[in-house]
Protein backbone atom coordinates (compact mmCIF):
# COMPACT_ATOMS: atom_id res chain seq x y z
CA UNK A 1 -14.39 -93.97 -0.43
CA UNK A 2 -13.31 -95.26 2.73
CA UNK A 3 -14.76 -93.58 5.71
CA UNK A 4 -11.36 -92.86 6.79
CA UNK A 5 -10.69 -90.79 3.53
CA UNK A 6 -14.10 -88.91 3.97
CA UNK A 7 -13.06 -87.89 7.38
CA UNK A 8 -9.60 -86.67 6.25
CA UNK A 9 -11.29 -84.91 3.11
CA UNK A 10 -13.78 -83.40 5.37
CA UNK A 11 -10.93 -82.03 7.90
CA UNK A 12 -8.74 -80.91 4.94
CA UNK A 13 -11.73 -78.92 3.60
CA UNK A 14 -13.35 -77.18 6.70
CA UNK A 15 -9.96 -76.26 8.15
CA UNK A 16 -9.28 -73.40 5.74
CA UNK A 17 -12.86 -72.56 5.47
CA UNK A 18 -13.71 -72.21 9.24
CA UNK A 19 -10.34 -70.41 9.54
CA UNK A 20 -9.69 -70.72 13.42
CA UNK A 21 -6.95 -68.23 13.49
CA UNK A 22 -8.94 -65.61 11.88
CA UNK A 23 -11.94 -66.70 14.28
CA UNK A 24 -9.39 -66.29 17.18
CA UNK A 25 -8.51 -62.65 16.21
CA UNK A 26 -12.33 -61.78 16.05
CA UNK A 27 -13.07 -63.21 19.41
CA UNK A 28 -10.39 -61.45 21.25
CA UNK A 29 -11.57 -58.41 19.95
CA UNK A 30 -15.43 -59.18 20.76
CA UNK A 31 -14.57 -60.39 24.30
CA UNK A 32 -12.06 -57.72 25.04
CA UNK A 33 -12.82 -56.44 28.53
CA UNK A 34 -14.74 -59.57 29.46
CA UNK A 35 -14.00 -61.46 32.50
CA UNK A 36 -11.56 -64.25 31.87
CA UNK A 37 -14.07 -67.08 33.17
CA UNK A 38 -16.75 -65.82 30.94
CA UNK A 39 -14.36 -65.46 27.80
CA UNK A 40 -13.23 -69.16 28.53
CA UNK A 41 -16.73 -70.24 28.75
CA UNK A 42 -17.85 -68.31 25.50
CA UNK A 43 -14.91 -70.28 23.82
CA UNK A 44 -15.82 -73.65 24.85
CA UNK A 45 -19.67 -72.85 23.91
CA UNK A 46 -18.59 -71.55 20.53
CA UNK A 47 -17.09 -75.11 19.89
CA UNK A 48 -20.01 -76.57 21.08
CA UNK A 49 -22.39 -74.50 18.83
CA UNK A 50 -20.12 -75.25 15.79
CA UNK A 51 -20.47 -79.02 16.40
CA UNK A 52 -24.23 -78.84 16.71
CA UNK A 53 -24.66 -76.91 13.41
CA UNK A 54 -22.41 -79.19 11.52
CA UNK A 55 -24.01 -82.05 12.71
CA UNK A 56 -27.38 -81.06 12.05
CA UNK A 57 -26.52 -80.48 8.38
CA UNK A 58 -24.50 -83.60 7.99
CA UNK A 59 -27.45 -85.56 8.97
CA UNK A 60 -30.30 -83.66 7.41
CA UNK A 61 -28.70 -81.66 4.87
CA UNK A 62 -29.45 -83.98 1.98
CA UNK A 63 -33.00 -84.25 3.04
CA UNK A 64 -33.21 -80.40 2.76
CA UNK A 65 -31.62 -80.69 -0.83
CA UNK A 66 -34.33 -83.49 -1.88
CA UNK A 67 -37.24 -81.52 -0.32
CA UNK A 68 -36.11 -78.46 -2.25
CA UNK A 69 -35.36 -80.27 -5.52
CA UNK A 70 -31.86 -78.98 -5.46
CA UNK A 71 -29.21 -81.37 -7.17
CA UNK A 72 -25.86 -82.10 -5.91
CA UNK A 73 -23.89 -80.17 -8.95
CA UNK A 74 -25.85 -76.98 -8.16
CA UNK A 75 -24.97 -77.05 -4.37
CA UNK A 76 -21.42 -77.94 -5.37
CA UNK A 77 -21.47 -74.91 -7.82
CA UNK A 78 -23.28 -72.53 -5.30
CA UNK A 79 -21.19 -73.64 -2.30
CA UNK A 80 -18.14 -73.25 -4.46
CA UNK A 81 -18.84 -69.74 -5.27
CA UNK A 82 -19.42 -69.02 -1.61
CA UNK A 83 -16.12 -70.65 -0.51
CA UNK A 84 -14.32 -68.82 -3.30
CA UNK A 85 -15.66 -65.50 -2.26
CA UNK A 86 -14.82 -66.01 1.34
CA UNK A 87 -11.35 -67.06 0.29
CA UNK A 88 -10.68 -64.20 -1.89
CA UNK A 89 -12.02 -61.76 0.66
CA UNK A 90 -9.45 -63.28 3.02
CA UNK A 91 -6.64 -62.75 0.35
CA UNK A 92 -7.56 -59.00 -0.13
CA UNK A 93 -8.09 -58.64 3.59
CA UNK A 94 -11.88 -57.74 3.36
CA UNK A 95 -13.72 -57.93 6.80
CA UNK A 96 -15.49 -61.14 7.55
CA UNK A 97 -18.10 -59.27 9.79
CA UNK A 98 -19.75 -55.81 8.96
CA UNK A 99 -19.45 -53.08 11.03
CA UNK A 100 -23.04 -53.64 12.14
CA UNK A 101 -22.39 -57.31 13.03
CA UNK A 102 -19.34 -56.13 15.09
CA UNK A 103 -21.12 -53.55 16.97
CA UNK A 104 -23.87 -55.85 18.00
CA UNK A 105 -21.39 -58.53 18.67
CA UNK A 106 -19.40 -56.27 21.14
CA UNK A 107 -22.56 -55.11 22.66
CA UNK A 108 -23.77 -58.69 23.22
CA UNK A 109 -22.85 -60.23 26.71
CA UNK A 110 -22.15 -63.83 25.06
CA UNK A 111 -21.08 -64.12 21.45
CA UNK A 112 -20.63 -67.82 21.16
CA UNK A 113 -23.55 -68.55 18.96
CA UNK A 114 -23.75 -65.18 17.14
CA UNK A 115 -21.76 -63.69 15.70
CA UNK A 116 -18.96 -66.53 16.40
CA UNK A 117 -20.53 -70.06 15.70
CA UNK A 118 -23.02 -68.54 12.95
CA UNK A 119 -21.96 -66.89 10.54
CA UNK A 120 -18.14 -66.56 11.27
CA UNK A 121 -17.07 -70.07 11.76
CA UNK A 122 -19.86 -72.74 10.83
CA UNK A 123 -21.00 -70.25 7.98
CA UNK A 124 -22.59 -71.05 4.62
CA UNK A 125 -19.15 -72.13 3.29
CA UNK A 126 -18.63 -74.88 6.04
CA UNK A 127 -22.30 -75.98 6.04
CA UNK A 128 -22.06 -76.21 2.10
CA UNK A 129 -18.89 -78.39 2.10
CA UNK A 130 -20.75 -80.76 4.90
CA UNK A 131 -23.86 -81.13 2.88
CA UNK A 132 -21.83 -81.84 -0.40
CA UNK A 133 -19.61 -84.32 1.30
CA UNK A 134 -22.75 -86.26 2.82
CA UNK A 135 -24.40 -86.08 -0.55
CA UNK A 136 -21.44 -87.25 -2.70
CA UNK A 137 -20.60 -90.14 -0.19
CA UNK A 138 -23.91 -91.43 1.17
CA UNK A 139 -24.31 -93.86 3.84
CA UNK A 140 -24.43 -93.68 7.81
CA UNK A 141 -20.84 -94.62 8.06
CA UNK A 142 -19.65 -91.93 5.84
CA UNK A 143 -21.87 -89.39 7.57
CA UNK A 144 -20.39 -90.33 10.69
CA UNK A 145 -16.86 -89.74 9.05
CA UNK A 146 -18.06 -86.12 8.34
CA UNK A 147 -19.45 -85.90 12.06
CA UNK A 148 -16.01 -86.97 13.45
CA UNK A 149 -14.19 -84.44 11.30
CA UNK A 150 -16.61 -81.85 12.79
CA UNK A 151 -15.98 -82.99 16.34
CA UNK A 152 -11.95 -82.60 15.66
CA UNK A 153 -12.76 -79.04 14.13
CA UNK A 154 -14.96 -77.96 16.78
CA UNK A 155 -12.50 -79.08 19.43
CA UNK A 156 -9.78 -77.16 17.68
CA UNK A 157 -11.85 -73.99 17.56
CA UNK A 158 -12.70 -74.31 21.29
CA UNK A 159 -9.22 -75.05 22.22
CA UNK A 160 -7.71 -72.18 20.10
CA UNK A 161 -10.33 -69.61 21.31
CA UNK A 162 -9.89 -70.71 25.04
CA UNK A 163 -6.00 -70.74 25.28
CA UNK A 164 -4.91 -68.96 21.87
CA UNK A 165 -5.66 -65.35 22.85
CA UNK A 166 -2.18 -64.45 23.63
CA UNK A 167 -1.22 -65.74 20.15
CA UNK A 168 -3.03 -62.54 18.80
CA UNK A 169 -0.77 -60.38 20.63
CA UNK A 170 2.59 -62.21 19.64
CA UNK A 171 1.45 -62.41 15.88
CA UNK A 172 0.07 -58.90 15.96
CA UNK A 173 -1.94 -57.62 12.92
CA UNK A 174 0.99 -58.16 10.44
CA UNK A 175 1.45 -61.75 11.25
CA UNK A 176 -2.25 -62.54 11.72
CA UNK A 177 -2.76 -60.73 8.45
CA UNK A 178 -0.19 -63.19 6.45
CA UNK A 179 -1.43 -66.17 7.72
CA UNK A 180 -5.07 -65.17 6.98
CA UNK A 181 -3.95 -64.71 3.29
CA UNK A 182 -2.31 -68.11 3.27
CA UNK A 183 -5.51 -69.58 4.52
CA UNK A 184 -7.52 -67.53 2.08
CA UNK A 185 -5.65 -68.81 -0.88
CA UNK A 186 -6.26 -72.37 0.23
CA UNK A 187 -9.98 -71.66 0.66
CA UNK A 188 -10.13 -70.30 -2.74
CA UNK A 189 -8.54 -73.33 -4.21
CA UNK A 190 -11.30 -75.42 -2.45
CA UNK A 191 -14.00 -73.16 -3.99
CA UNK A 192 -12.65 -73.67 -7.30
CA UNK A 193 -12.43 -77.17 -6.90
CA UNK A 194 -16.02 -77.49 -5.74
CA UNK A 195 -17.22 -75.37 -8.88
CA UNK A 196 -15.28 -77.57 -11.08
CA UNK A 197 -16.90 -80.74 -9.58
CA UNK A 198 -20.16 -79.05 -9.90
CA UNK A 199 -19.67 -78.22 -13.57
CA UNK A 200 -18.49 -81.77 -14.59
CA UNK A 201 -21.21 -83.57 -12.73
CA UNK A 202 -24.02 -81.16 -14.20
CA UNK A 203 -22.79 -82.14 -17.78
C-alpha cells in the first residue's frame, strides 16, 4: 500500500476512536474554573502528549509484539474488541471516565497527560490501531505515514481543546450526545473490521 494511503487509513481509523469532540466536552468539565492561560497551555500539552504516545508505539509497537510473542491476528482481534467496546459505549452514552477518574482529574492542577492524553484520547484503542497499522504495513516509510497521521490528529486535538470550548455551550448536552453517538457508530464499525481482519488472518 502506498504511504499516502497508509496515512489516510490511519487518519480514518484514529479520528472516530480518539473522538476529539467527546474529549472536548470532558476537557471543558475538567478545566472549569481554571485560568484561561492555564487552560490553553493544557490544551496544547494534551496534543503534545498524544503525539508522543502514538509516535512511541508507531516506532516500537511491533518490537513489543515480537518480544511478547503476540501475532498480528491476535492484536487485531484484541484491538478490535477494545475499539468496538469503546464505540458501543459511546452509542449507549456510557461514561468514558469513571467517577474516581473524574474526581481525580478535577482535583489535578494539570489534566493534559492524565486523564486527557492517556487514557481518554490516546488510549488502548488508538494505540492498538497504530500498532496494527505498522505491523500490517512494515517499513520506515509506512511508519512515518502513521506518524504524520498522528501529528495531524494531535494538532486537531490541541486546536479543538484550545479554541473549541465555546462549542460545548453552543451544542449543549443534546447536540454533543447526538454527535458522540454518530462517532460511536463509526468506531464500532472500525472495531468489527479489525476483528474480521484478525479472524481471517488467523485461519
